[in-house]
């Protein structure tokens, strides 16, 4: 991340949580206390999961964004056969500890 990006991301996530108490985020830090992984779920994702969460697919794109970080989605389909997102994460790497 570039200088200032970390602060911006944290402020954004905190503001979302203030605006929507059902918004959830989790941050995993590395051994140097630097942000490694960020997971978030908003209120609509939680509602969709309660209706359509019988089958969940976990998928990561392979470093398609400009930062080269894996982007992970928890998805399924709804009753109209449309993709429904239950959660998202920006990952530092694709190791077993990251996925746990």
Protein backbone atom coordinates (compact mmCIF):
# COMPACT_ATOMS: atom_id res chain seq x y z
CA UNK A 1 0.00 0.00 0.00
CA UNK A 2 1.08 3.52 -0.58
CA UNK A 3 1.66 5.96 2.27
CA UNK A 4 -1.71 7.06 3.61
CA UNK A 5 -3.67 4.19 2.06
CA UNK A 6 -3.87 2.28 5.33
CA UNK A 7 -5.34 5.24 7.18
CA UNK A 8 -7.84 5.84 4.39
CA UNK A 9 -8.98 2.21 4.38
CA UNK A 10 -9.40 2.13 8.16
CA UNK A 11 -11.31 5.43 8.18
CA UNK A 12 -13.56 4.16 5.39
CA UNK A 13 -14.35 0.89 7.19
CA UNK A 14 -14.96 2.65 10.51
CA UNK A 15 -17.29 5.17 8.84
CA UNK A 16 -19.23 2.38 7.14
CA UNK A 17 -19.66 0.70 10.52
CA UNK A 18 -20.85 3.96 12.09
CA UNK A 19 -23.36 4.45 9.25
CA UNK A 20 -24.53 0.84 9.37
CA UNK A 21 -24.19 -1.10 12.65
CA UNK A 22 -24.67 -4.34 10.65
CA UNK A 23 -21.52 -3.66 8.65
CA UNK A 24 -18.71 -5.96 9.77
CA UNK A 25 -15.03 -5.92 8.98
CA UNK A 26 -11.99 -7.77 10.22
CA UNK A 27 -8.36 -6.94 9.69
CA UNK A 28 -5.52 -9.41 10.01
CA UNK A 29 -2.06 -8.02 10.65
CA UNK A 30 1.31 -9.60 9.97
CA UNK A 31 4.21 -10.10 12.36
CA UNK A 32 5.26 -6.47 11.87
CA UNK A 33 1.75 -5.21 12.76
CA UNK A 34 1.06 -4.21 9.15
CA UNK A 35 -2.31 -4.86 7.53
CA UNK A 36 -2.19 -8.14 5.67
CA UNK A 37 -5.84 -9.08 4.99
CA UNK A 38 -9.17 -7.26 5.13
CA UNK A 39 -12.57 -8.95 5.17
CA UNK A 40 -15.90 -7.10 5.05
CA UNK A 41 -19.61 -7.91 5.02
CA UNK A 42 -22.42 -5.36 4.77
CA UNK A 43 -26.03 -5.62 5.89
CA UNK A 44 -27.36 -6.70 2.48
CA UNK A 45 -24.74 -9.46 2.27
CA UNK A 46 -25.91 -10.78 5.65
CA UNK A 47 -29.55 -10.72 4.57
CA UNK A 48 -28.73 -12.48 1.30
CA UNK A 49 -26.76 -15.12 3.19
CA UNK A 50 -29.72 -15.79 5.48
CA UNK A 51 -31.89 -16.49 2.41
CA UNK A 52 -29.45 -18.09 -0.02
CA UNK A 53 -26.56 -19.37 2.10
CA UNK A 54 -27.24 -23.07 1.62
CA UNK A 55 -24.33 -23.33 -0.81
CA UNK A 56 -21.37 -20.97 -0.64
CA UNK A 57 -18.54 -20.76 -3.13
CA UNK A 58 -15.25 -19.19 -2.13
CA UNK A 59 -13.33 -17.80 -5.08
CA UNK A 60 -10.18 -15.74 -5.42
CA UNK A 61 -9.18 -13.86 -8.51
CA UNK A 62 -5.54 -14.25 -9.27
CA UNK A 63 -3.98 -10.84 -8.70
CA UNK A 64 -6.13 -9.04 -11.26
CA UNK A 65 -6.28 -5.67 -9.47
CA UNK A 66 -3.61 -3.02 -9.94
CA UNK A 67 -2.00 -3.79 -6.57
CA UNK A 68 -1.59 -7.46 -7.50
CA UNK A 69 -3.46 -8.64 -4.40
CA UNK A 70 -5.81 -11.63 -4.46
CA UNK A 71 -9.45 -10.52 -4.15
CA UNK A 72 -11.69 -13.12 -2.53
CA UNK A 73 -15.47 -13.43 -2.75
CA UNK A 74 -17.98 -15.57 -0.89
CA UNK A 75 -20.77 -16.07 -3.41
CA UNK A 76 -23.80 -18.15 -4.32
CA UNK A 77 -26.88 -17.76 -6.49
CA UNK A 78 -30.31 -16.47 -5.56
CA UNK A 79 -33.73 -17.75 -6.64
CA UNK A 80 -33.36 -15.84 -9.96
CA UNK A 81 -30.03 -17.63 -10.65
CA UNK A 82 -28.16 -14.35 -10.15
CA UNK A 83 -24.81 -14.18 -8.40
CA UNK A 84 -25.17 -13.12 -4.78
CA UNK A 85 -22.17 -11.87 -2.80
CA UNK A 86 -22.00 -12.76 0.90
CA UNK A 87 -18.62 -11.24 1.72
CA UNK A 88 -15.39 -9.95 0.23
CA UNK A 89 -11.73 -9.77 1.19
CA UNK A 90 -8.46 -8.31 0.01
CA UNK A 91 -5.69 -10.76 0.75
CA UNK A 92 -1.97 -10.33 1.03
CA UNK A 93 -1.22 -13.85 -0.16
CA UNK A 94 -2.82 -17.23 -0.67
CA UNK A 95 -1.33 -19.20 2.17
CA UNK A 96 -3.21 -21.59 4.46
CA UNK A 97 -2.94 -19.17 7.40
CA UNK A 98 -4.53 -16.41 5.30
CA UNK A 99 -7.49 -18.60 4.39
CA UNK A 100 -8.00 -19.74 7.98
